[in-house]
C-alpha atoms as a PDB file:
ATOM      1  CA  UNK A   1    -150.492  98.280  10.666  1.00  0.00           C
ATOM      2  CA  UNK A   2    -147.510  99.468   8.718  1.00  0.00           C
ATOM      3  CA  UNK A   3    -144.264 100.527  10.443  1.00  0.00           C
ATOM      4  CA  UNK A   4    -143.760 104.063  10.414  1.00  0.00           C
ATOM      5  CA  UNK A   5    -141.318 105.488   7.814  1.00  0.00           C
ATOM      6  CA  UNK A   6    -139.090 108.007   9.584  1.00  0.00           C
ATOM      7  CA  UNK A   7    -138.575 111.486   7.696  1.00  0.00           C
ATOM      8  CA  UNK A   8    -134.831 111.370   8.117  1.00  0.00           C
ATOM      9  CA  UNK A   9    -132.082 108.378   7.878  1.00  0.00           C
ATOM     10  CA  UNK A  10    -128.829 108.792   9.535  1.00  0.00           C
ATOM     11  CA  UNK A  11    -126.322 105.996   8.446  1.00  0.00           C
ATOM     12  CA  UNK A  12    -122.589 105.689   9.358  1.00  0.00           C
ATOM     13  CA  UNK A  13    -120.892 103.588   6.964  1.00  0.00           C
ATOM     14  CA  UNK A  14    -117.569 102.311   7.689  1.00  0.00           C
ATOM     15  CA  UNK A  15    -115.205 101.184   4.878  1.00  0.00           C
ATOM     16  CA  UNK A  16    -116.834 103.747   3.059  1.00  0.00           C
ATOM     17  CA  UNK A  17    -114.248 104.556   0.344  1.00  0.00           C
ATOM     18  CA  UNK A  18    -113.780 100.675  -0.953  1.00  0.00           C
ATOM     19  CA  UNK A  19    -115.720  99.203  -3.877  1.00  0.00           C
ATOM     20  CA  UNK A  20    -118.664  97.479  -1.719  1.00  0.00           C
ATOM     21  CA  UNK A  21    -118.653 100.463   0.754  1.00  0.00           C
ATOM     22  CA  UNK A  22    -119.414 102.883  -2.088  1.00  0.00           C
ATOM     23  CA  UNK A  23    -122.049 100.799  -3.524  1.00  0.00           C
ATOM     24  CA  UNK A  24    -123.612 100.647   0.063  1.00  0.00           C
ATOM     25  CA  UNK A  25    -123.408 104.335   0.374  1.00  0.00           C
ATOM     26  CA  UNK A  26    -125.317 105.169  -2.913  1.00  0.00           C
ATOM     27  CA  UNK A  27    -127.766 102.366  -2.368  1.00  0.00           C
ATOM     28  CA  UNK A  28    -128.626 104.043   0.899  1.00  0.00           C
ATOM     29  CA  UNK A  29    -129.123 107.414  -0.887  1.00  0.00           C
ATOM     30  CA  UNK A  30    -131.393 105.579  -3.487  1.00  0.00           C
ATOM     31  CA  UNK A  31    -133.518 103.934  -1.006  1.00  0.00           C
ATOM     32  CA  UNK A  32    -134.038 107.160   0.972  1.00  0.00           C
ATOM     33  CA  UNK A  33    -135.099 108.831  -2.326  1.00  0.00           C
ATOM     34  CA  UNK A  34    -137.662 106.040  -2.686  1.00  0.00           C
ATOM     35  CA  UNK A  35    -139.077 106.371   0.445  1.00  0.00           C
ATOM     36  CA  UNK A  36    -139.204 109.927   0.569  1.00  0.00           C
ATOM     37  CA  UNK A  37    -136.453 110.447   3.331  1.00  0.00           C
ATOM     38  CA  UNK A  38    -133.773 112.921   3.758  1.00  0.00           C
ATOM     39  CA  UNK A  39    -130.589 111.318   4.567  1.00  0.00           C
ATOM     40  CA  UNK A  40    -127.325 112.069   5.760  1.00  0.00           C
ATOM     41  CA  UNK A  41    -124.251 109.692   5.328  1.00  0.00           C
ATOM     42  CA  UNK A  42    -121.319 109.569   7.593  1.00  0.00           C
ATOM     43  CA  UNK A  43    -118.770 107.879   5.596  1.00  0.00           C
ATOM     44  CA  UNK A  44    -115.854 106.448   7.614  1.00  0.00           C
ATOM     45  CA  UNK A  45    -112.550 105.308   6.028  1.00  0.00           C
ATOM     46  CA  UNK A  46    -109.229 104.561   7.633  1.00  0.00           C
ATOM     47  CA  UNK A  47    -108.053 107.754   6.922  1.00  0.00           C
ATOM     48  CA  UNK A  48    -109.304 111.269   5.293  1.00  0.00           C
ATOM     49  CA  UNK A  49    -107.833 112.027   1.933  1.00  0.00           C
ATOM     50  CA  UNK A  50    -108.749 112.225  -1.757  1.00  0.00           C
ATOM     51  CA  UNK A  51    -110.927 109.293  -2.122  1.00  0.00           C
ATOM     52  CA  UNK A  52    -113.065 110.136   0.849  1.00  0.00           C
ATOM     53  CA  UNK A  53    -113.585 113.759  -0.150  1.00  0.00           C
ATOM     54  CA  UNK A  54    -114.441 112.386  -4.170  1.00  0.00           C
ATOM     55  CA  UNK A  55    -117.050 110.186  -2.206  1.00  0.00           C
ATOM     56  CA  UNK A  56    -118.425 112.976  -0.428  1.00  0.00           C
ATOM     57  CA  UNK A  57    -118.785 115.189  -3.303  1.00  0.00           C
ATOM     58  CA  UNK A  58    -120.731 112.592  -5.249  1.00  0.00           C
ATOM     59  CA  UNK A  59    -123.082 111.863  -2.393  1.00  0.00           C
ATOM     60  CA  UNK A  60    -124.002 115.404  -2.119  1.00  0.00           C
ATOM     61  CA  UNK A  61    -124.562 115.535  -5.922  1.00  0.00           C
ATOM     62  CA  UNK A  62    -126.724 112.359  -5.592  1.00  0.00           C
ATOM     63  CA  UNK A  63    -129.071 114.265  -2.982  1.00  0.00           C
ATOM     64  CA  UNK A  64    -127.659 113.548   0.466  1.00  0.00           C
ATOM     65  CA  UNK A  65    -125.949 115.402   2.960  1.00  0.00           C
ATOM     66  CA  UNK A  66    -122.555 113.672   4.014  1.00  0.00           C
ATOM     67  CA  UNK A  67    -119.693 114.217   6.319  1.00  0.00           C
ATOM     68  CA  UNK A  68    -116.051 112.310   6.532  1.00  0.00           C
ATOM     69  CA  UNK A  69    -114.870 110.593   9.243  1.00  0.00           C
ATOM     70  CA  UNK A  70    -111.610 108.887   9.695  1.00  0.00           C
ATOM     71  CA  UNK A  71    -110.372 106.383  12.415  1.00  0.00           C
ATOM     72  CA  UNK A  72    -108.479 103.040  13.298  1.00  0.00           C
ATOM     73  CA  UNK A  73    -111.495 100.760  14.271  1.00  0.00           C
ATOM     74  CA  UNK A  74    -108.939  98.283  15.990  1.00  0.00           C
ATOM     75  CA  UNK A  75    -108.949 100.902  18.680  1.00  0.00           C
ATOM     76  CA  UNK A  76    -111.949 100.605  20.942  1.00  0.00           C
ATOM     77  CA  UNK A  77    -111.337 104.585  21.996  1.00  0.00           C
ATOM     78  CA  UNK A  78    -111.472 105.473  18.116  1.00  0.00           C
ATOM     79  CA  UNK A  79    -114.396 103.169  17.694  1.00  0.00           C
ATOM     80  CA  UNK A  80    -116.474 105.277  20.375  1.00  0.00           C
ATOM     81  CA  UNK A  81    -115.036 108.513  18.817  1.00  0.00           C
ATOM     82  CA  UNK A  82    -116.274 107.746  15.361  1.00  0.00           C
ATOM     83  CA  UNK A  83    -119.893 107.068  16.534  1.00  0.00           C
ATOM     84  CA  UNK A  84    -119.793 110.206  18.747  1.00  0.00           C
ATOM     85  CA  UNK A  85    -118.576 112.374  15.712  1.00  0.00           C
ATOM     86  CA  UNK A  86    -121.170 110.960  13.633  1.00  0.00           C
ATOM     87  CA  UNK A  87    -123.822 111.602  16.018  1.00  0.00           C
ATOM     88  CA  UNK A  88    -122.504 115.330  16.080  1.00  0.00           C
ATOM     89  CA  UNK A  89    -122.522 115.695  12.633  1.00  0.00           C
ATOM     90  CA  UNK A  90    -126.014 114.303  11.659  1.00  0.00           C
ATOM     91  CA  UNK A  91    -127.798 113.354  15.048  1.00  0.00           C
ATOM     92  CA  UNK A  92    -128.539 110.028  16.112  1.00  0.00           C
ATOM     93  CA  UNK A  93    -128.004 107.160  13.825  1.00  0.00           C
ATOM     94  CA  UNK A  94    -130.676 105.120  12.295  1.00  0.00           C
ATOM     95  CA  UNK A  95    -128.492 102.735  10.431  1.00  0.00           C
ATOM     96  CA  UNK A  96    -124.922 101.402  11.282  1.00  0.00           C
ATOM     97  CA  UNK A  97    -123.203  99.647   8.607  1.00  0.00           C
ATOM     98  CA  UNK A  98    -120.052  97.740   9.631  1.00  0.00           C
ATOM     99  CA  UNK A  99    -118.436  97.340   6.175  1.00  0.00           C
ATOM    100  CA  UNK A 100    -114.700  97.778   6.968  1.00  0.00           C
ATOM    101  CA  UNK A 101    -112.452  94.638   6.954  1.00  0.00           C
ATOM    102  CA  UNK A 102    -109.762  92.869   5.622  1.00  0.00           C
ATOM    103  CA  UNK A 103    -108.455  89.416   4.509  1.00  0.00           C
ATOM    104  CA  UNK A 104    -104.740  88.279   4.401  1.00  0.00           C
ATOM    105  CA  UNK A 105    -103.453  84.931   2.994  1.00  0.00           C
ATOM    106  CA  UNK A 106    -102.130  82.406   5.858  1.00  0.00           C
ATOM    107  CA  UNK A 107    -102.016  78.940   6.713  1.00  0.00           C
ATOM    108  CA  UNK A 108    -103.289  78.102  10.563  1.00  0.00           C
ATOM    109  CA  UNK A 109    -100.263  76.094  11.087  1.00  0.00           C
ATOM    110  CA  UNK A 110     -97.871  78.926  11.059  1.00  0.00           C
ATOM    111  CA  UNK A 111    -100.066  82.033  11.385  1.00  0.00           C
ATOM    112  CA  UNK A 112     -98.369  84.686  13.442  1.00  0.00           C
ATOM    113  CA  UNK A 113    -100.631  85.487  16.473  1.00  0.00           C
ATOM    114  CA  UNK A 114    -100.555  89.181  15.453  1.00  0.00           C
ATOM    115  CA  UNK A 115    -102.018  88.274  12.204  1.00  0.00           C
ATOM    116  CA  UNK A 116    -104.978  86.165  13.893  1.00  0.00           C
ATOM    117  CA  UNK A 117    -105.528  89.139  16.225  1.00  0.00           C
ATOM    118  CA  UNK A 118    -105.469  91.833  13.511  1.00  0.00           C
ATOM    119  CA  UNK A 119    -107.886  89.679  11.394  1.00  0.00           C
ATOM    120  CA  UNK A 120    -110.284  89.220  14.493  1.00  0.00           C
ATOM    121  CA  UNK A 121    -109.873  92.871  15.616  1.00  0.00           C
ATOM    122  CA  UNK A 122    -110.726  94.452  12.084  1.00  0.00           C
ATOM    123  CA  UNK A 123    -113.289  91.952  11.026  1.00  0.00           C
ATOM    124  CA  UNK A 124    -115.367  90.986  14.195  1.00  0.00           C
ATOM    125  CA  UNK A 125    -114.388  92.940  17.424  1.00  0.00           C
ATOM    126  CA  UNK A 126    -114.668  96.331  15.443  1.00  0.00           C
ATOM    127  CA  UNK A 127    -118.426  95.867  14.774  1.00  0.00           C
ATOM    128  CA  UNK A 128    -118.976  94.936  18.573  1.00  0.00           C
ATOM    129  CA  UNK A 129    -117.271  97.835  19.767  1.00  0.00           C
ATOM    130  CA  UNK A 130    -119.324 100.200  17.233  1.00  0.00           C
ATOM    131  CA  UNK A 131    -122.448  98.307  17.994  1.00  0.00           C
ATOM    132  CA  UNK A 132    -121.961  99.089  21.816  1.00  0.00           C
ATOM    133  CA  UNK A 133    -121.124 102.631  21.190  1.00  0.00           C
ATOM    134  CA  UNK A 134    -124.191 103.243  18.805  1.00  0.00           C
ATOM    135  CA  UNK A 135    -126.726 101.176  20.963  1.00  0.00           C
ATOM    136  CA  UNK A 136    -128.418 104.239  22.969  1.00  0.00           C
ATOM    137  CA  UNK A 137    -128.689 106.247  19.825  1.00  0.00           C
ATOM    138  CA  UNK A 138    -130.187 103.276  17.552  1.00  0.00           C
ATOM    139  CA  UNK A 139    -132.524 102.546  20.495  1.00  0.00           C
ATOM    140  CA  UNK A 140    -134.108 106.015  20.288  1.00  0.00           C
ATOM    141  CA  UNK A 141    -134.730 105.801  16.596  1.00  0.00           C
ATOM    142  CA  UNK A 142    -135.340 101.696  16.520  1.00  0.00           C
ATOM    143  CA  UNK A 143    -132.600 101.712  14.058  1.00  0.00           C
ATOM    144  CA  UNK A 144    -130.703  98.783  12.555  1.00  0.00           C
ATOM    145  CA  UNK A 145    -127.209  97.159  12.385  1.00  0.00           C
ATOM    146  CA  UNK A 146    -125.782  95.349   9.236  1.00  0.00           C
ATOM    147  CA  UNK A 147    -122.530  93.847   9.069  1.00  0.00           C
ATOM    148  CA  UNK A 148    -120.799  92.720   5.978  1.00  0.00           C
ATOM    149  CA  UNK A 149    -119.610  88.954   6.358  1.00  0.00           C
ATOM    150  CA  UNK A 150    -118.518  86.716   3.552  1.00  0.00           C
ATOM    151  CA  UNK A 151    -118.766  83.558   1.871  1.00  0.00           C
ATOM    152  CA  UNK A 152    -115.861  82.744   3.814  1.00  0.00           C
ATOM    153  CA  UNK A 153    -117.749  82.745   6.877  1.00  0.00           C
ATOM    154  CA  UNK A 154    -120.059  80.114   5.730  1.00  0.00           C
ATOM    155  CA  UNK A 155    -117.282  77.659   4.230  1.00  0.00           C
ATOM    156  CA  UNK A 156    -113.685  77.020   5.035  1.00  0.00           C
ATOM    157  CA  UNK A 157    -111.536  79.210   2.727  1.00  0.00           C
ATOM    158  CA  UNK A 158    -108.460  77.333   2.152  1.00  0.00           C
ATOM    159  CA  UNK A 159    -105.234  79.485   3.209  1.00  0.00           C
ATOM    160  CA  UNK A 160    -107.563  82.131   4.889  1.00  0.00           C
ATOM    161  CA  UNK A 161    -108.350  80.218   8.013  1.00  0.00           C
ATOM    162  CA  UNK A 162    -108.182  83.457  10.314  1.00  0.00           C
ATOM    163  CA  UNK A 163    -110.491  85.433   7.812  1.00  0.00           C
ATOM    164  CA  UNK A 164    -113.107  82.535   7.821  1.00  0.00           C
ATOM    165  CA  UNK A 165    -113.113  82.057  11.216  1.00  0.00           C
ATOM    166  CA  UNK A 166    -113.327  85.771  11.957  1.00  0.00           C
ATOM    167  CA  UNK A 167    -116.356  86.200   9.470  1.00  0.00           C
ATOM    168  CA  UNK A 168    -118.034  83.229  10.670  1.00  0.00           C
ATOM    169  CA  UNK A 169    -117.585  84.748  14.312  1.00  0.00           C
ATOM    170  CA  UNK A 170    -119.023  87.810  13.044  1.00  0.00           C
ATOM    171  CA  UNK A 171    -122.183  86.382  11.737  1.00  0.00           C
ATOM    172  CA  UNK A 172    -122.853  84.558  14.990  1.00  0.00           C
ATOM    173  CA  UNK A 173    -121.918  87.965  16.781  1.00  0.00           C
ATOM    174  CA  UNK A 174    -124.776  89.720  14.968  1.00  0.00           C
ATOM    175  CA  UNK A 175    -127.571  86.793  15.733  1.00  0.00           C
ATOM    176  CA  UNK A 176    -126.676  87.238  19.344  1.00  0.00           C
ATOM    177  CA  UNK A 177    -127.050  91.001  19.046  1.00  0.00           C
ATOM    178  CA  UNK A 178    -129.909  90.576  17.548  1.00  0.00           C
ATOM    179  CA  UNK A 179    -131.495  88.309  20.321  1.00  0.00           C
ATOM    180  CA  UNK A 180    -130.217  90.781  23.077  1.00  0.00           C
ATOM    181  CA  UNK A 181    -131.139  93.967  21.597  1.00  0.00           C
ATOM    182  CA  UNK A 182    -134.584  93.059  20.010  1.00  0.00           C
ATOM    183  CA  UNK A 183    -136.303  94.508  23.202  1.00  0.00           C
ATOM    184  CA  UNK A 184    -134.735  97.773  22.394  1.00  0.00           C
ATOM    185  CA  UNK A 185    -136.199  97.700  18.633  1.00  0.00           C
ATOM    186  CA  UNK A 186    -132.706  97.344  17.525  1.00  0.00           C
ATOM    187  CA  UNK A 187    -132.720  94.835  14.160  1.00  0.00           C
ATOM    188  CA  UNK A 188    -129.088  93.319  13.646  1.00  0.00           C
ATOM    189  CA  UNK A 189    -128.497  91.371  10.394  1.00  0.00           C
ATOM    190  CA  UNK A 190    -125.539  90.191   8.103  1.00  0.00           C
ATOM    191  CA  UNK A 191    -124.774  90.203   4.430  1.00  0.00           C
ATOM    192  CA  UNK A 192    -122.609  87.640   2.959  1.00  0.00           C
ATOM    193  CA  UNK A 193    -121.234  88.726  -0.701  1.00  0.00           C
ATOM    194  CA  UNK A 194    -119.890  86.174  -3.093  1.00  0.00           C
ATOM    195  CA  UNK A 195    -117.457  86.932  -5.937  1.00  0.00           C
ATOM    196  CA  UNK A 196    -117.656  90.620  -6.278  1.00  0.00           C
ATOM    197  CA  UNK A 197    -115.767  92.716  -8.983  1.00  0.00           C
ATOM    198  CA  UNK A 198    -114.313  95.804  -6.951  1.00  0.00           C
ATOM    199  CA  UNK A 199    -111.275  98.284  -7.586  1.00  0.00           C
ATOM    200  CA  UNK A 200    -109.368  95.452  -5.109  1.00  0.00           C
ATOM    201  CA  UNK A 201    -110.212  92.509  -7.050  1.00  0.00           C
ATOM    202  CA  UNK A 202    -110.436  94.130 -10.591  1.00  0.00           C
ATOM    203  CA  UNK A 203    -106.755  92.898 -11.518  1.00  0.00           C
ATOM    204  CA  UNK A 204    -108.203  89.395 -11.199  1.00  0.00           C
ATOM    205  CA  UNK A 205    -110.952  89.908 -13.595  1.00  0.00           C
ATOM    206  CA  UNK A 206    -108.573  91.635 -16.239  1.00  0.00           C
ATOM    207  CA  UNK A 207    -107.659  88.108 -17.159  1.00  0.00           C
ATOM    208  CA  UNK A 208    -110.325  86.867 -19.503  1.00  0.00           C
ATOM    209  CA  UNK A 209    -109.796  83.111 -18.767  1.00  0.00           C
ATOM    210  CA  UNK A 210    -110.231  83.858 -15.060  1.00  0.00           C
ATOM    211  CA  UNK A 211    -113.422  85.894 -15.592  1.00  0.00           C
ATOM    212  CA  UNK A 212    -114.934  83.079 -17.685  1.00  0.00           C
ATOM    213  CA  UNK A 213    -114.066  80.340 -15.347  1.00  0.00           C
ATOM    214  CA  UNK A 214    -115.342  82.214 -12.274  1.00  0.00           C
ATOM    215  CA  UNK A 215    -118.680  83.192 -14.075  1.00  0.00           C
ATOM    216  CA  UNK A 216    -119.010  79.655 -15.179  1.00  0.00           C
ATOM    217  CA  UNK A 217    -119.346  78.953 -11.378  1.00  0.00           C
ATOM    218  CA  UNK A 218    -122.215  81.472 -10.747  1.00  0.00           C
ATOM    219  CA  UNK A 219    -125.757  79.979 -11.430  1.00  0.00           C
ATOM    220  CA  UNK A 220    -126.723  83.500 -12.373  1.00  0.00           C
ATOM    221  CA  UNK A 221    -124.004  83.778 -14.625  1.00  0.00           C
ATOM    222  CA  UNK A 222    -122.087  86.913 -13.694  1.00  0.00           C
ATOM    223  CA  UNK A 223    -119.888  88.097 -10.907  1.00  0.00           C
ATOM    224  CA  UNK A 224    -121.382  90.236  -8.450  1.00  0.00           C
ATOM    225  CA  UNK A 225    -121.284  94.543  -8.295  1.00  0.00           C
ATOM    226  CA  UNK A 226    -121.185  96.373  -5.338  1.00  0.00           C
ATOM    227  CA  UNK A 227    -124.424  97.834  -5.933  1.00  0.00           C
ATOM    228  CA  UNK A 228    -125.645  94.231  -5.488  1.00  0.00           C
ATOM    229  CA  UNK A 229    -124.372  94.028  -2.249  1.00  0.00           C
ATOM    230  CA  UNK A 230    -125.526  97.614  -1.591  1.00  0.00           C
ATOM    231  CA  UNK A 231    -129.083  96.972  -2.335  1.00  0.00           C
ATOM    232  CA  UNK A 232    -129.298  93.968   0.260  1.00  0.00           C
ATOM    233  CA  UNK A 233    -127.811  96.490   2.780  1.00  0.00           C
ATOM    234  CA  UNK A 234    -130.436  99.192   1.968  1.00  0.00           C
ATOM    235  CA  UNK A 235    -133.212  96.827   2.077  1.00  0.00           C
ATOM    236  CA  UNK A 236    -132.013  95.388   5.537  1.00  0.00           C
ATOM    237  CA  UNK A 237    -131.723  99.009   6.761  1.00  0.00           C
ATOM    238  CA  UNK A 238    -135.195 100.114   5.528  1.00  0.00           C
ATOM    239  CA  UNK A 239    -138.655  99.994   7.194  1.00  0.00           C
ATOM    240  CA  UNK A 240    -139.382  97.028   4.577  1.00  0.00           C
ATOM    241  CA  UNK A 241    -137.589  94.751   6.648  1.00  0.00           C
ATOM    242  CA  UNK A 242    -138.790  96.179   9.927  1.00  0.00           C
ATOM    243  CA  UNK A 243    -139.706  92.438  10.974  1.00  0.00           C
ATOM    244  CA  UNK A 244    -136.397  91.023   9.750  1.00  0.00           C
ATOM    245  CA  UNK A 245    -133.671  90.348  12.447  1.00  0.00           C
ATOM    246  CA  UNK A 246    -130.657  88.018  13.088  1.00  0.00           C
ATOM    247  CA  UNK A 247    -130.548  86.809   9.451  1.00  0.00           C
ATOM    248  CA  UNK A 248    -127.792  86.423   7.112  1.00  0.00           C
ATOM    249  CA  UNK A 249    -128.580  87.342   3.576  1.00  0.00           C
ATOM    250  CA  UNK A 250    -126.227  85.679   0.856  1.00  0.00           C
ATOM    251  CA  UNK A 251    -125.743  87.782  -2.124  1.00  0.00           C
ATOM    252  CA  UNK A 252    -123.504  85.572  -4.194  1.00  0.00           C
ATOM    253  CA  UNK A 253    -125.720  84.756  -7.514  1.00  0.00           C
ATOM    254  CA  UNK A 254    -126.211  80.996  -6.115  1.00  0.00           C
ATOM    255  CA  UNK A 255    -122.621  79.850  -5.801  1.00  0.00           C
ATOM    256  CA  UNK A 256    -122.865  78.901  -2.093  1.00  0.00           C
ATOM    257  CA  UNK A 257    -125.639  76.296  -2.923  1.00  0.00           C
ATOM    258  CA  UNK A 258    -124.261  75.295  -6.198  1.00  0.00           C
ATOM    259  CA  UNK A 259    -121.179  73.317  -4.483  1.00  0.00           C
ATOM    260  CA  UNK A 260    -122.723  69.909  -4.847  1.00  0.00           C
ATOM    261  CA  UNK A 261    -123.440  70.648  -8.672  1.00  0.00           C
ATOM    262  CA  UNK A 262    -119.489  70.708  -9.129  1.00  0.00           C
ATOM    263  CA  UNK A 263    -118.841  67.215  -8.322  1.00  0.00           C
ATOM    264  CA  UNK A 264    -118.037  65.413 -11.604  1.00  0.00           C
ATOM    265  CA  UNK A 265    -120.463  62.620 -12.789  1.00  0.00           C
ATOM    266  CA  UNK A 266    -124.165  62.818 -14.212  1.00  0.00           C
ATOM    267  CA  UNK A 267    -127.003  62.842 -11.639  1.00  0.00           C
ATOM    268  CA  UNK A 268    -129.288  59.694 -11.840  1.00  0.00           C
ATOM    269  CA  UNK A 269    -130.129  56.633 -10.405  1.00  0.00           C
ATOM    270  CA  UNK A 270    -127.344  54.300  -8.896  1.00  0.00           C
ATOM    271  CA  UNK A 271    -126.561  51.655 -11.140  1.00  0.00           C
ATOM    272  CA  UNK A 272    -127.961  48.051 -10.512  1.00  0.00           C
ATOM    273  CA  UNK A 273    -125.250  45.663  -9.542  1.00  0.00           C
END
C-alpha cells in the first residue's frame, strides 16, 4: 500500500539564505507542487535582513507561504525558540533541514579550543538540538530530518581537521537518530555535497584554470549547483523516500569514488618479472 501523501508540508530550513540553503528551499517548493501539496517554508538565517526578505519574496512568488526566522543555533535556548516560532507560524513541522554550518582552516596541532568548539557547535550539536526540539512535532506528522554534511565528513580534509571531524560526527549522529526515532515514524538522513558553485565559492570559479582543473576531477564533468543538493533534500523529505532512513546521499558527481583513478600509471596486469 502506498504511503499517504500529506496535503500540506511545513519545512524549517536553517542556513536558508546561503547558496545551498536557497537551492533547498526552492527544491522543496517544487517537490510540493509536483505532489499537489501546499507548502509553508520557515526560512532561518543567522539574522534578519535584506537577503532573508528577498528570499521570502521569491518563495512566495513561487507559490509557497513563507516566514523568516533569525537566531544563533549555537545557543540551545535559541534552537528551541526557533522551532517553537516555526510551529507558531506554520503549524507542526513535516520536515527539518539542518543546513546551517561553517568551515574554517586550521591545523589540529595548534587549533584553538574555541575554534574546535564553535565548529562542532555549528555543524553537529545544533542539528541534535534542533532535532530534539522538533521531535514531538515530527512524530505527530511522521516527518523527516535531513542534515547537510560534506565530502569532508567522508575523507580527511587537510587543513580542515575540525570541520572533517564535525561533519563525520554529523553523519553518525543522524544514523543514530534514525535508529532511535524510527518507532516514532521519523526518518533521518544526510546529504553530502561535493564541490558546489555558490556565492560563497564563486570567487574560486572565476579563475578559468581552477574551474577547468576542478571540473576535470569530476566524472560527470561539471561542478555541482545548489539545485543538485536541493533535489536530493527534496527527495529525502518527500513521501517518495518513505522507506529511506539512516542513509547518507553523496551528491558529488562521482568525485569521492574517483579517488583511485587519480593515481598516476595505466591500469593493467602487473608486469611479469
